[in-house]
């Protein structure tokens, strides 16, 4: 499969993730975005915040590659190496409950877990996420033109570990999908809590401040 064909397929996945994001988050109030149901560690908006932190790490590197003088227009067959194939398998396979135990690197965890008392704007987090997805699509449209760009190495969030730019994209896109699925699960848990409250007046639906503390 040629680089162009391969990466353009990933663009289609980003479009699907954008549709999922709008379906899940459009019209939601901050209370819903910040609520953490029983059994969850993050609020739905913190899934988006985490993805924004991941983008903050990778997108500047990928953008720098796009404007590098080393670009060429040569197209060739692409063969994913073992690490890329393994990443794809792990990130797209339905891992059930085990998936919940996957831990993010410390610096890309929600800021609430890094700094006590941190507050942020859910609406701003969503705006940044939308912009980042658009940037990622533009990056793919440039990297698609060159095998040199596709094979340029970038730093991962793990110390001393570098991967090809095409492998980084291969990691990022299913990672987006995984955390959107996590956000949907969390939002569904919040909806269930409200239904239980409406059916039982003795249940008190906690405020976002109470649940996020």
Protein backbone atom coordinates (compact mmCIF):
# COMPACT_ATOMS: atom_id res chain seq x y z
CA UNK A 1 0.00 0.00 0.00
CA UNK A 2 1.36 3.42 -0.93
CA UNK A 3 1.95 6.06 1.72
CA UNK A 4 -0.69 8.34 0.20
CA UNK A 5 -3.40 5.70 0.20
CA UNK A 6 -2.53 4.53 3.69
CA UNK A 7 -2.55 7.97 5.32
CA UNK A 8 -5.66 9.13 3.49
CA UNK A 9 -7.48 6.16 5.02
CA UNK A 10 -6.48 7.53 8.40
CA UNK A 11 -8.03 10.89 7.45
CA UNK A 12 -11.35 9.10 6.99
CA UNK A 13 -11.03 7.79 10.54
CA UNK A 14 -10.43 11.33 11.84
CA UNK A 15 -13.62 12.46 10.10
CA UNK A 16 -15.47 9.67 11.90
CA UNK A 17 -13.96 10.74 15.23
CA UNK A 18 -15.07 14.33 14.58
CA UNK A 19 -18.62 13.14 13.98
CA UNK A 20 -18.52 11.07 17.18
CA UNK A 21 -17.22 14.06 19.15
CA UNK A 22 -20.00 16.34 17.93
CA UNK A 23 -22.60 13.66 18.65
CA UNK A 24 -21.37 13.17 22.22
CA UNK A 25 -20.44 16.68 23.32
CA UNK A 26 -22.63 19.09 21.40
CA UNK A 27 -25.06 21.00 23.67
CA UNK A 28 -23.64 19.50 26.90
CA UNK A 29 -23.39 21.72 29.98
CA UNK A 30 -20.25 21.95 32.12
CA UNK A 31 -21.98 19.97 34.88
CA UNK A 32 -22.30 16.96 32.58
CA UNK A 33 -18.79 17.37 31.18
CA UNK A 34 -17.19 17.50 34.64
CA UNK A 35 -19.22 14.76 36.32
CA UNK A 36 -17.34 11.59 37.33
CA UNK A 37 -19.67 8.59 37.76
CA UNK A 38 -18.98 5.90 40.33
CA UNK A 39 -16.30 3.52 39.11
CA UNK A 40 -14.62 6.08 36.83
CA UNK A 41 -11.43 8.06 37.44
CA UNK A 42 -11.93 10.77 34.84
CA UNK A 43 -14.73 13.09 33.77
CA UNK A 44 -15.75 12.97 30.11
CA UNK A 45 -14.10 16.32 29.37
CA UNK A 46 -10.86 15.05 30.93
CA UNK A 47 -10.67 12.45 28.17
CA UNK A 48 -10.57 15.38 25.76
CA UNK A 49 -8.07 17.24 27.95
CA UNK A 50 -5.81 14.19 27.89
CA UNK A 51 -5.99 14.03 24.09
CA UNK A 52 -5.14 17.73 23.92
CA UNK A 53 -2.01 17.08 25.99
CA UNK A 54 -1.04 14.22 23.67
CA UNK A 55 -1.53 16.52 20.69
CA UNK A 56 0.61 19.19 22.39
CA UNK A 57 3.44 16.68 22.40
CA UNK A 58 3.14 15.27 18.88
CA UNK A 59 1.63 17.98 16.66
CA UNK A 60 4.52 20.50 16.97
CA UNK A 61 6.98 17.76 15.99
CA UNK A 62 4.84 16.65 13.05
CA UNK A 63 4.36 20.27 11.93
CA UNK A 64 8.13 20.80 12.06
CA UNK A 65 8.59 17.75 9.86
CA UNK A 66 6.09 19.14 7.37
CA UNK A 67 8.06 22.36 6.91
CA UNK A 68 11.47 20.70 6.85
CA UNK A 69 13.69 21.10 3.80
CA UNK A 70 14.11 17.34 3.56
CA UNK A 71 10.75 16.82 1.85
CA UNK A 72 10.49 14.90 -1.41
CA UNK A 73 7.57 13.98 -3.62
CA UNK A 74 8.58 10.36 -4.13
CA UNK A 75 5.88 7.76 -3.43
CA UNK A 76 6.74 4.18 -2.57
CA UNK A 77 5.27 1.07 -1.01
CA UNK A 78 4.87 1.30 2.75
CA UNK A 79 5.43 -1.64 5.04
CA UNK A 80 4.46 -1.13 8.66
CA UNK A 81 7.13 -2.33 11.04
CA UNK A 82 6.36 -4.59 13.99
CA UNK A 83 6.00 -1.74 16.47
CA UNK A 84 3.46 0.05 14.28
CA UNK A 85 1.44 -3.10 13.70
CA UNK A 86 1.45 -3.89 17.42
CA UNK A 87 0.34 -0.36 18.30
CA UNK A 88 -2.55 -0.62 15.85
CA UNK A 89 -3.62 -3.99 17.23
CA UNK A 90 -3.52 -2.82 20.85
CA UNK A 91 -5.30 0.47 20.24
CA UNK A 92 -8.12 -0.89 18.06
CA UNK A 93 -8.84 -4.26 19.64
CA UNK A 94 -11.80 -4.44 22.00
CA UNK A 95 -9.96 -5.00 25.25
CA UNK A 96 -12.95 -4.87 27.60
CA UNK A 97 -12.26 -4.10 31.23
CA UNK A 98 -8.50 -4.43 30.78
CA UNK A 99 -8.63 -1.36 28.56
CA UNK A 100 -9.60 0.75 31.57
CA UNK A 101 -6.35 -0.12 33.32
CA UNK A 102 -4.09 1.34 30.61
CA UNK A 103 -2.29 4.25 32.25
CA UNK A 104 -1.39 7.47 30.51
CA UNK A 105 2.08 8.95 30.93
CA UNK A 106 2.09 11.39 33.85
CA UNK A 107 2.50 14.56 31.80
CA UNK A 108 -0.51 13.80 29.57
CA UNK A 109 -2.91 12.88 32.36
CA UNK A 110 -5.71 15.35 33.17
CA UNK A 111 -4.24 18.39 34.90
CA UNK A 112 -6.48 17.78 37.94
CA UNK A 113 -4.43 14.65 38.62
CA UNK A 114 -1.15 16.55 38.19
CA UNK A 115 -1.98 19.72 40.13
CA UNK A 116 -4.44 19.80 43.02
CA UNK A 117 -7.10 22.45 42.70
CA UNK A 118 -6.48 23.04 39.01
CA UNK A 119 -9.45 24.43 37.14
CA UNK A 120 -9.92 24.69 33.40
CA UNK A 121 -12.58 25.62 30.87
CA UNK A 122 -14.41 22.62 29.36
CA UNK A 123 -15.50 24.78 26.42
CA UNK A 124 -11.90 25.82 25.73
CA UNK A 125 -10.78 22.19 25.91
CA UNK A 126 -13.37 21.28 23.28
CA UNK A 127 -12.34 24.18 21.03
CA UNK A 128 -8.69 23.10 21.24
CA UNK A 129 -9.63 19.51 20.44
CA UNK A 130 -11.56 20.55 17.32
CA UNK A 131 -8.61 22.67 16.15
CA UNK A 132 -6.14 19.85 16.82
CA UNK A 133 -8.13 17.37 14.73
CA UNK A 134 -8.16 19.84 11.83
CA UNK A 135 -4.40 20.35 12.21
CA UNK A 136 -3.80 16.61 12.20
CA UNK A 137 -5.67 16.27 8.91
CA UNK A 138 -3.56 19.05 7.38
CA UNK A 139 -0.38 17.37 8.61
CA UNK A 140 -1.42 14.10 7.01
CA UNK A 141 -2.12 15.87 3.71
CA UNK A 142 1.51 17.11 3.70
CA UNK A 143 3.27 14.02 5.02
CA UNK A 144 1.38 11.99 2.44
CA UNK A 145 3.56 13.53 -0.28
CA UNK A 146 6.90 12.19 0.88
CA UNK A 147 8.44 8.96 2.09
CA UNK A 148 11.18 11.03 3.71
CA UNK A 149 8.64 12.88 5.82
CA UNK A 150 6.78 9.67 6.58
CA UNK A 151 9.93 8.04 7.92
CA UNK A 152 11.27 10.98 9.95
CA UNK A 153 11.47 10.11 13.64
CA UNK A 154 9.58 11.87 16.44
CA UNK A 155 9.92 11.63 20.20
CA UNK A 156 7.18 9.78 22.06
CA UNK A 157 5.89 10.65 25.53
CA UNK A 158 8.13 7.87 26.83
CA UNK A 159 11.76 8.88 27.46
CA UNK A 160 14.29 7.90 24.77
CA UNK A 161 11.68 6.20 22.58
CA UNK A 162 11.37 7.47 19.01
CA UNK A 163 9.01 6.33 16.26
CA UNK A 164 8.45 7.24 12.62
CA UNK A 165 6.00 10.04 11.92
CA UNK A 166 3.73 7.61 10.08
CA UNK A 167 3.79 5.35 13.15
CA UNK A 168 2.92 8.33 15.36
CA UNK A 169 -0.13 8.97 13.19
CA UNK A 170 -0.93 5.27 13.32
CA UNK A 171 -0.88 5.57 17.12
CA UNK A 172 -2.72 8.87 17.46
CA UNK A 173 -5.86 8.13 15.48
CA UNK A 174 -7.03 4.95 17.26
CA UNK A 175 -5.97 6.58 20.54
CA UNK A 176 -8.49 9.33 19.82
CA UNK A 177 -11.15 6.70 19.20
CA UNK A 178 -10.36 4.85 22.42
CA UNK A 179 -10.76 7.95 24.58
CA UNK A 180 -13.92 9.04 22.77
CA UNK A 181 -15.31 5.61 23.64
CA UNK A 182 -14.20 6.18 27.24
CA UNK A 183 -15.92 9.59 27.25
CA UNK A 184 -19.13 8.05 25.92
CA UNK A 185 -19.05 5.43 28.67
CA UNK A 186 -18.58 8.15 31.29
CA UNK A 187 -21.39 10.29 29.88
CA UNK A 188 -23.69 7.27 29.86
CA UNK A 189 -22.80 6.71 33.52
CA UNK A 190 -23.77 10.29 34.28
CA UNK A 191 -27.09 9.87 32.48
CA UNK A 192 -27.77 6.72 34.49
CA UNK A 193 -27.05 8.57 37.74
CA UNK A 194 -29.59 11.25 36.86
CA UNK A 195 -32.19 8.63 35.97
CA UNK A 196 -31.64 6.94 39.32
CA UNK A 197 -32.01 10.28 41.08
CA UNK A 198 -35.29 11.03 39.32
CA UNK A 199 -36.63 7.60 40.31
CA UNK A 200 -35.41 7.89 43.90
CA UNK A 201 -35.80 11.34 45.53
CA UNK A 202 -33.52 10.24 48.39
CA UNK A 203 -30.54 10.08 46.01
CA UNK A 204 -28.56 13.32 45.77
CA UNK A 205 -26.91 14.01 42.42
CA UNK A 206 -23.48 15.47 43.33
CA UNK A 207 -22.30 18.71 41.84
CA UNK A 208 -19.30 18.79 39.52
CA UNK A 209 -17.22 20.39 42.27
CA UNK A 210 -18.09 17.56 44.66
CA UNK A 211 -17.27 14.84 42.13
CA UNK A 212 -14.17 16.47 40.69
CA UNK A 213 -12.55 17.18 44.08
